[in-house]
Amino acid sequence: MKKIIFVLVAVVVGYFINLKFVELAYTLGFAELKKEAVLINSEKMKVKCRSYALGWFDEIKLENKFQACVNEHEANGYKIIDSSSTYQTVR
């Protein structure tokens, strides 16, 4: 019985420590960026351009790489059919 209580207390304490760490990290500029675009051509071939970063990163550099991927495929006759973007900082 003591082991079960100890494990339960350890899990609860670990949860609160993690919660405070995540909150502190986001306030210090830690962020998450997700971008994805799905492109299709006349032959119904699909291509995905993805960009993902977690932590401290150069948003402009990632955006430029993502846009270069999209531009390259659009130059080859692909059209964007779906696009999504998520940028998460302080909660």
Protein backbone atom coordinates (compact mmCIF):
# COMPACT_ATOMS: atom_id res chain seq x y z
CA MET A 1 0.00 0.00 0.00
CA LYS A 2 2.86 2.38 0.82
CA LYS A 3 4.39 1.76 -2.61
CA ILE A 4 1.17 2.69 -4.39
CA ILE A 5 0.85 5.93 -2.40
CA PHE A 6 4.52 6.74 -3.05
CA VAL A 7 4.11 6.19 -6.80
CA LEU A 8 0.93 8.27 -6.86
CA VAL A 9 2.60 11.15 -4.99
CA ALA A 10 5.65 10.94 -7.30
CA VAL A 11 3.44 11.15 -10.40
CA VAL A 12 1.52 14.16 -9.04
CA VAL A 13 4.72 15.99 -8.04
CA GLY A 14 6.30 15.18 -11.42
CA TYR A 15 3.24 16.56 -13.20
CA PHE A 16 3.41 19.87 -11.34
CA ILE A 17 7.16 20.20 -11.89
CA ASN A 18 6.65 19.60 -15.62
CA LEU A 19 3.78 22.10 -15.72
CA LYS A 20 5.94 24.84 -14.17
CA PHE A 21 8.88 23.99 -16.46
CA VAL A 22 6.71 24.26 -19.59
CA GLU A 23 5.27 27.56 -18.38
CA LEU A 24 8.76 28.94 -17.70
CA ALA A 25 10.09 27.74 -21.06
CA TYR A 26 7.30 29.43 -23.00
CA THR A 27 7.78 32.71 -21.11
CA LEU A 28 11.49 32.63 -22.04
CA GLY A 29 10.68 32.44 -25.76
CA PHE A 30 10.42 28.68 -26.27
CA ALA A 31 7.98 28.10 -29.12
CA GLU A 32 6.60 25.52 -31.52
CA LEU A 33 6.05 26.15 -35.23
CA LYS A 34 4.27 23.79 -37.62
CA LYS A 35 3.54 24.53 -41.26
CA GLU A 36 2.33 22.19 -43.96
CA ALA A 37 1.13 22.65 -47.52
CA VAL A 38 -0.29 19.96 -49.79
CA LEU A 39 0.16 20.54 -53.51
CA ILE A 40 -1.28 18.60 -56.46
CA ASN A 41 -0.53 18.62 -60.18
CA SER A 42 -2.63 17.85 -63.24
CA GLU A 43 -1.72 14.15 -63.01
CA LYS A 44 -3.19 14.03 -59.47
CA MET A 45 0.24 13.53 -57.86
CA LYS A 46 0.42 15.04 -54.35
CA VAL A 47 3.44 16.63 -52.69
CA LYS A 48 3.77 17.91 -49.12
CA CYS A 49 6.01 20.74 -47.97
CA ARG A 50 6.53 20.70 -44.21
CA SER A 51 8.29 22.89 -41.72
CA TYR A 52 8.53 22.07 -38.01
CA ALA A 53 10.56 23.55 -35.19
CA LEU A 54 10.44 23.19 -31.43
CA GLY A 55 12.51 25.38 -29.16
CA TRP A 56 14.36 28.60 -29.92
CA PHE A 57 14.61 29.06 -33.69
CA ASP A 58 14.87 31.61 -36.48
CA GLU A 59 11.29 31.92 -37.73
CA ILE A 60 12.27 33.89 -40.85
CA LYS A 61 14.79 31.24 -41.95
CA LEU A 62 12.22 28.45 -41.52
CA GLU A 63 9.58 30.45 -43.39
CA ASN A 64 12.01 31.05 -46.27
CA LYS A 65 12.82 27.32 -46.57
CA PHE A 66 9.13 26.44 -46.48
CA GLN A 67 8.26 29.05 -49.10
CA ALA A 68 11.15 27.89 -51.32
CA CYS A 69 9.70 24.36 -51.27
CA VAL A 70 6.24 25.65 -52.21
CA ASN A 71 7.63 27.93 -54.94
CA GLU A 72 9.70 25.09 -56.43
CA HIS A 73 6.68 22.84 -56.78
CA GLU A 74 4.44 25.63 -58.06
CA ALA A 75 7.02 26.31 -60.77
CA ASN A 76 6.65 22.65 -61.78
CA GLY A 77 2.88 22.99 -62.23
CA TYR A 78 1.60 22.09 -58.77
CA LYS A 79 -1.22 24.00 -57.07
CA ILE A 80 -1.82 24.33 -53.32
CA ILE A 81 -4.94 22.44 -52.25
CA ASP A 82 -4.47 22.60 -48.46
CA SER A 83 -2.33 24.61 -46.09
CA SER A 84 -2.06 24.78 -42.31
CA SER A 85 0.06 26.74 -39.89
CA THR A 86 0.45 26.62 -36.11
CA TYR A 87 2.64 28.88 -34.02
CA GLN A 88 2.43 28.40 -30.28
CA THR A 89 4.23 30.42 -27.64
CA VAL A 90 3.13 31.38 -24.14
CA ARG A 91 -0.01 29.55 -23.15
